[in-house]
Protein backbone atom coordinates (compact mmCIF):
# COMPACT_ATOMS: atom_id res chain seq x y z
CA MET A 1 121.80 -41.67 28.13
CA ILE A 2 120.76 -38.79 25.95
CA LYS A 3 121.76 -35.45 27.64
CA SER A 4 121.64 -31.75 25.57
CA MET A 5 124.58 -30.07 25.80
CA THR A 6 122.59 -26.88 25.77
CA GLY A 7 120.80 -25.48 29.03
CA PHE A 8 120.83 -22.64 31.24
CA THR A 9 120.07 -22.08 34.84
CA SER A 10 119.94 -19.20 37.24
CA LEU A 11 119.20 -19.07 40.95
CA THR A 12 119.51 -16.80 44.07
CA ARG A 13 120.47 -16.99 47.39
CA GLU A 14 120.03 -14.61 50.26
CA ASP A 15 120.16 -14.51 54.14
CA GLU A 16 121.36 -11.60 56.47
CA ARG A 17 124.98 -11.38 55.43
CA ALA A 18 125.02 -11.44 51.33
CA THR A 19 122.76 -12.15 47.91
CA ILE A 20 124.85 -14.62 46.23
CA ALA A 21 123.50 -15.36 42.23
CA VAL A 22 124.68 -18.12 40.47
CA THR A 23 124.46 -18.54 36.53
CA ILE A 24 125.34 -21.29 34.46
CA ARG A 25 124.96 -21.57 30.67
CA THR A 26 126.42 -24.84 28.63
CA VAL A 27 126.60 -25.06 25.03
CA ASN A 28 128.14 -27.58 22.49
CA HIS A 29 131.77 -28.11 22.66
CA ARG A 30 133.87 -31.17 21.99
CA TYR A 31 135.47 -31.41 25.14
CA LEU A 32 134.71 -30.13 28.47
CA ASP A 33 135.54 -26.47 28.77
CA LEU A 34 134.63 -24.55 31.84
CA GLN A 35 134.63 -20.79 32.09
CA LEU A 36 134.40 -19.82 35.79
CA ARG A 37 134.08 -16.25 36.66
CA SER A 38 133.67 -15.29 40.85
CA PRO A 39 134.75 -12.72 43.03
CA GLN A 40 138.34 -13.00 44.62
CA SER A 41 136.81 -13.41 47.68
CA LEU A 42 135.38 -16.74 46.79
CA ALA A 43 138.97 -17.92 45.30
CA ALA A 44 139.05 -20.76 48.14
CA ILE A 45 136.04 -22.60 46.55
CA GLU A 46 137.17 -22.53 42.83
CA ALA A 47 138.29 -25.99 43.00
CA GLY A 48 135.13 -27.20 44.62
CA VAL A 49 133.01 -25.73 42.15
CA ARG A 50 135.25 -27.19 39.07
CA ALA A 51 134.82 -30.87 40.93
CA LEU A 52 131.19 -30.23 41.21
CA VAL A 53 130.73 -28.99 37.41
CA GLY A 54 132.79 -32.33 36.52
CA ARG A 55 130.39 -34.55 38.21
CA HIS A 56 127.67 -33.11 36.39
CA VAL A 57 128.89 -32.37 33.13
CA ALA A 58 130.88 -34.75 30.96
CA ARG A 59 131.35 -32.47 27.87
CA GLY A 60 130.54 -29.10 26.34
CA ARG A 61 131.49 -25.26 26.75
CA VAL A 62 130.00 -24.50 30.60
CA GLU A 63 130.11 -20.74 31.43
CA VAL A 64 129.27 -20.54 35.24
CA SER A 65 129.29 -17.02 37.18
CA ILE A 66 128.93 -16.20 40.64
CA SER A 67 128.34 -12.84 42.40
CA VAL A 68 127.82 -12.00 46.00
CA GLN A 69 126.41 -8.55 47.27
CA LEU A 70 127.17 -7.92 50.77
CA ARG A 71 124.04 -6.76 52.71
CA PHE A 72 125.76 -4.82 55.58
CA SER A 73 127.30 -1.20 55.26
CA PRO A 74 131.07 -0.75 55.02
CA GLY A 75 132.96 0.30 58.21
CA ILE A 76 136.21 2.84 57.78
CA ASP A 77 139.70 1.92 59.13
CA VAL A 78 141.98 5.01 60.24
CA GLU A 79 145.49 4.10 60.35
CA LEU A 80 148.48 6.39 61.65
CA ASN A 81 151.99 6.24 60.13
CA GLU A 82 153.81 5.87 63.18
CA GLU A 83 156.91 6.18 61.49
CA PHE A 84 156.01 9.57 59.97
CA ALA A 85 154.76 10.35 63.36
CA ARG A 86 157.77 9.96 64.96
CA ALA A 87 160.04 11.47 62.40
CA LEU A 88 157.90 14.52 62.18
CA GLU A 89 157.75 14.75 65.94
CA ALA A 90 161.11 14.71 66.40
CA ALA A 91 161.63 17.60 63.59
CA LEU A 92 158.89 19.60 65.64
CA ASP A 93 161.26 19.36 68.85
CA GLN A 94 164.21 20.40 67.10
CA ALA A 95 162.11 23.49 65.52
CA ARG A 96 160.85 24.44 68.97
CA ALA A 97 164.42 24.03 70.56
CA ARG A 98 165.66 27.12 68.03
CA GLY A 99 162.30 28.84 68.12
CA LEU A 100 161.11 28.51 64.97
CA VAL A 101 157.79 27.01 65.79
CA SER A 102 155.57 26.92 69.10
CA GLY A 103 152.68 25.18 70.59
CA ALA A 104 151.20 21.00 69.89
CA LEU A 105 150.73 19.10 66.88
CA THR A 106 146.82 19.16 66.59
CA PRO A 107 145.12 16.49 64.78
CA GLY A 108 143.57 18.95 62.15
CA ASP A 109 147.63 19.12 61.11
CA LEU A 110 148.22 15.26 60.87
CA LEU A 111 144.95 15.39 59.03
CA ARG A 112 146.19 18.01 56.26
CA MET A 113 149.31 15.76 56.04
CA PRO A 114 148.47 12.65 53.49
CA GLN A 115 151.45 10.69 54.86
CA ALA A 116 150.44 10.82 59.01
CA ILE A 117 146.90 9.05 58.53
CA THR A 118 145.57 6.52 56.13
CA VAL A 119 141.51 6.47 55.87
CA ARG A 120 140.03 3.88 53.90
CA ASP A 121 136.87 1.66 53.83
CA ARG A 122 136.36 -1.61 55.27
CA GLN A 123 134.76 -3.98 53.32
CA PRO A 124 132.17 -5.52 54.99
CA GLY A 125 132.41 -9.52 55.42
CA ASP A 126 136.41 -9.32 55.96
CA ASP A 127 136.24 -11.38 58.92
CA GLU A 128 137.28 -14.67 58.20
CA GLU A 129 134.27 -16.15 59.87
CA THR A 130 131.74 -14.36 57.61
CA GLN A 131 134.01 -14.92 54.48
CA ALA A 132 133.44 -18.91 55.04
CA ALA A 133 130.18 -18.57 55.83
CA ILE A 134 129.66 -17.20 52.27
CA ALA A 135 131.62 -19.08 50.27
CA LYS A 136 130.06 -22.35 51.67
CA GLN A 137 126.53 -20.83 50.65
CA ALA A 138 127.92 -19.94 47.40
CA LEU A 139 129.45 -23.30 46.78
CA GLU A 140 126.10 -25.09 47.71
CA ALA A 141 124.24 -22.65 45.35
CA ALA A 142 126.42 -23.58 42.59
CA GLY A 143 125.54 -27.33 43.56
CA GLN A 144 121.97 -26.85 43.60
CA ALA A 145 122.30 -24.71 40.14
CA LEU A 146 123.87 -27.83 38.76
CA VAL A 147 120.74 -29.73 39.67
CA ASP A 148 118.58 -27.64 37.94
CA LEU A 149 120.79 -27.63 34.89
CA ASP A 150 120.45 -31.57 34.46
CA SER A 151 117.07 -31.43 34.74
CA MET A 152 116.76 -28.95 32.14
CA ARG A 153 119.42 -30.83 29.66
CA LEU A 154 117.59 -34.15 30.70
CA ARG A 155 114.59 -32.93 29.41
CA GLU A 156 116.01 -31.44 26.34
CA GLY A 157 118.03 -34.61 26.08
CA GLU A 158 114.18 -36.44 25.84
CA HIS A 159 113.13 -34.44 22.98
CA LEU A 160 116.39 -35.31 21.01
CA ARG A 161 115.75 -38.96 21.93
CA THR A 162 112.18 -38.76 20.32
CA ASP A 163 113.61 -36.87 17.25
CA LEU A 164 116.42 -39.21 16.87
CA ASP A 165 114.87 -42.24 17.19
CA SER A 166 111.75 -41.28 14.68
CA ARG A 167 114.54 -40.66 12.23
CA ARG A 168 116.57 -44.10 13.12
CA ILE A 169 113.36 -45.99 12.41
CA PHE A 170 113.38 -44.48 9.18
CA VAL A 171 116.78 -44.63 7.64
CA ALA A 172 116.45 -48.01 9.23
CA ASP A 173 113.65 -48.56 6.82
CA LEU A 174 115.42 -46.93 3.92
CA VAL A 175 118.16 -49.46 4.17
CA GLU A 176 115.68 -52.44 4.53
CA ARG A 177 114.21 -51.03 0.99
CA ILE A 178 117.56 -50.33 -0.29
CA ALA A 179 118.10 -54.41 0.24
CA ALA A 180 115.01 -55.11 -1.42
CA ALA A 181 115.50 -52.72 -4.36
CA ALA A 182 119.03 -53.85 -4.79
CA ASP A 183 117.85 -57.67 -4.82
CA GLU A 184 115.41 -56.99 -7.50
CA GLY A 185 118.22 -55.00 -9.37
CA ARG A 186 120.74 -58.12 -9.14
CA ALA A 187 118.00 -59.99 -10.46
CA ALA A 188 117.39 -58.17 -13.17
CA MET A 189 120.98 -58.09 -14.44
CA GLU A 190 121.22 -61.60 -14.10
CA GLN A 191 118.54 -62.01 -16.76
CA ARG A 192 120.15 -59.35 -18.97
CA VAL A 193 123.62 -60.76 -18.99
CA ALA A 194 122.17 -64.42 -19.66
CA GLY A 195 119.71 -63.18 -22.15
CA ARG A 196 122.75 -61.55 -23.69
CA VAL A 197 124.91 -64.65 -23.81
CA ARG A 198 122.09 -66.46 -25.71
CA GLU A 199 122.24 -64.13 -28.15
CA LEU A 200 125.81 -64.57 -28.61
CA ARG A 201 125.57 -67.92 -28.34
CA VAL A 202 124.92 -68.65 -32.21
CA ASP A 203 127.91 -66.52 -33.43
CA LEU A 204 130.56 -67.51 -30.67
CA GLN A 205 131.89 -70.85 -29.04
CA ALA A 206 131.27 -69.17 -25.33
CA ASP A 207 131.88 -71.77 -22.78
CA GLU A 208 129.11 -72.14 -20.50
CA THR A 209 130.89 -72.52 -17.48
CA ALA A 210 132.93 -69.38 -17.68
CA VAL A 211 130.05 -67.43 -18.56
CA ALA A 212 128.41 -68.71 -15.81
CA GLN A 213 130.97 -67.98 -13.53
CA GLU A 214 131.34 -64.50 -14.38
CA ILE A 215 127.80 -63.87 -14.48
CA VAL A 216 128.20 -65.22 -10.44
CA ARG A 217 131.32 -62.94 -10.20
CA MET A 218 129.38 -60.08 -11.49
CA ALA A 219 126.03 -61.02 -9.09
CA ALA A 220 128.92 -61.19 -5.80
CA ARG A 221 130.16 -57.57 -6.64
CA SER A 222 126.57 -56.10 -6.65
CA ASP A 223 125.46 -57.85 -3.13
CA ILE A 224 125.42 -55.61 -0.24
CA SER A 225 123.86 -58.39 2.23
CA GLU A 226 127.12 -57.87 4.53
CA GLU A 227 126.32 -53.60 4.28
CA VAL A 228 123.05 -54.29 5.36
CA GLU A 229 123.68 -56.53 8.16
CA ARG A 230 126.65 -54.36 9.90
CA PHE A 231 123.89 -51.80 9.29
CA ARG A 232 121.04 -53.03 11.40
CA ALA A 233 124.10 -54.08 13.92
CA HIS A 234 124.66 -50.48 14.07
CA VAL A 235 120.85 -49.70 14.60
CA SER A 236 120.96 -51.87 17.43
CA HIS A 237 124.08 -50.65 19.06
CA TRP A 238 122.26 -47.16 18.74
CA GLY A 239 119.58 -48.72 21.20
CA ARG A 240 122.00 -49.74 23.46
CA LEU A 241 124.27 -46.54 23.51
CA ALA A 242 120.96 -44.36 24.11
CA ASP A 243 119.39 -46.76 26.98
CA SER A 244 123.26 -46.39 28.89
CA ALA A 245 123.42 -44.43 32.02
CA GLU A 246 126.71 -43.34 30.40
CA PRO A 247 127.15 -39.71 27.93
CA CYS A 248 126.94 -41.38 24.59
CA GLY A 249 127.13 -38.39 22.24
CA ARG A 250 130.80 -39.13 21.00
CA LYS A 251 130.05 -42.67 20.46
CA LEU A 252 126.76 -41.92 18.57
CA ASP A 253 128.73 -39.84 16.55
CA PHE A 254 131.22 -42.29 15.62
CA LEU A 255 128.48 -44.83 14.99
CA LEU A 256 126.85 -42.51 12.33
CA GLN A 257 129.92 -42.50 10.36
CA GLU A 258 129.98 -45.91 10.55
CA MET A 259 126.25 -45.99 9.22
CA ASN A 260 126.78 -43.56 6.37
CA ARG A 261 130.06 -45.46 5.51
CA GLU A 262 127.90 -48.79 4.75
CA VAL A 263 125.15 -46.51 3.19
CA ASN A 264 128.04 -45.18 0.63
CA THR A 265 129.11 -48.73 0.01
CA MET A 266 125.69 -49.85 -0.72
CA GLY A 267 125.29 -47.19 -3.31
CA SER A 268 128.68 -47.91 -4.87
CA LYS A 269 127.97 -51.71 -5.25
CA ALA A 270 124.10 -51.77 -5.60
CA ASP A 271 122.18 -51.95 -8.92
CA GLY A 272 118.38 -51.14 -9.55
CA LEU A 273 116.26 -48.34 -10.74
CA ARG A 274 115.39 -47.24 -6.95
CA VAL A 275 118.79 -47.64 -5.48
CA SER A 276 119.98 -44.45 -5.97
CA GLU A 277 116.75 -42.59 -4.83
CA LEU A 278 117.04 -44.62 -1.86
CA ILE A 279 120.72 -44.13 -1.33
CA ILE A 280 120.55 -40.16 -1.47
CA ALA A 281 117.09 -40.07 0.89
CA ALA A 282 119.27 -42.47 3.63
CA LYS A 283 122.42 -40.33 3.36
CA ALA A 284 119.97 -37.28 3.63
CA GLU A 285 118.60 -38.43 7.02
CA LEU A 286 121.90 -39.43 8.28
CA GLU A 287 122.97 -35.87 7.82
CA LYS A 288 120.19 -34.74 9.86
CA MET A 289 120.99 -37.01 12.46
CA ARG A 290 124.67 -36.53 12.64
CA GLU A 291 123.49 -32.49 13.17
CA GLN A 292 121.22 -33.30 16.05
CA VAL A 293 123.85 -35.41 17.62
CA GLN A 294 126.14 -32.78 18.27
CA ASN A 295 123.88 -31.72 20.66
CA VAL A 296 124.21 -34.78 22.81
CA GLU A 297 126.54 -35.19 25.95
C-alpha cells in the first residue's frame, strides 16, 4: 500500500468538564519517531497514545499534541499548620503567665503569619473520577485524530501512486528502447568488426575460427539481455508491493536502488548511437521516483 508519510489533523472535543484539543503532524523519517506533548494530568494515557500511534503509523516523525482546558472554576483550599499553631499557643501561654501579653489569638493574627495558614487554589478536576473521565475522553480523541490522519495520508498516497505509476511505465518503456538500441548497436558492431577483418585478411593470415570467436566474445560483453530481464522483474515486483496491504516505502526505495544498478550496468555494456541518451533519461526518471518514494510510508 502506498501511503504518504506527510499528514496533519486537528480535532476538538468538548463537554461540561473540559475542552480537549488533539493535533497530529507527520513528516518524513527513516524510522518511527514519536514526539508526544500532553499535560501531566494525562500521564496515565501516554502508553495508550503511543500504542495507538504504533497501530496507525509504521514510520515517520509523528508529533502529537494534546491539551486540556477545564471548564469549571477552581476552588480554594485553606490549611492550618497545626504544629506551628500548637507551638504558637504554647509560647502565648508562657507570655501570658509572665504578664507580657493579654487577650486571645484572633484569626487576623494567624493571617498575618505566613507560617500559620496556607491558602492555595484547588485545581478543578482534581478528583480521581473527573481525571479518569477526562483521560478517557482524551485517549478517544487521539484515536479519532489518528483515524482522520490515516484518511488524509491515504488520499495523499493515491496521488503519489498515480505519479509513481506513470513514471514507472515511462522508465520501463525507456529500458525497452535501450534494449532495442543495444541490439542495433551490437549488430552494427559485429558488422564493423567483420568488415575490418575482411580488409586485413589480404595482408594477414588470420585464423577465421579465432576471429569468429572474438567477435562472439565482444558481442557477449555488450549483451544486456540479463539486465533487461532483471529490470522487468523489478517492475513487476513494484506492482505487487504497491498493491500489498503492508507499508512498502522502504522496499520500494531498495527496489529503485536495484533498478538504478541495472540501468548503470546497461550503460556500461551497451553500444549504440541512442543508448547513452536513453540511459541518461532513465536515470533521471529513476531519481525523480526515488525522491517521491521518500514520502511513502
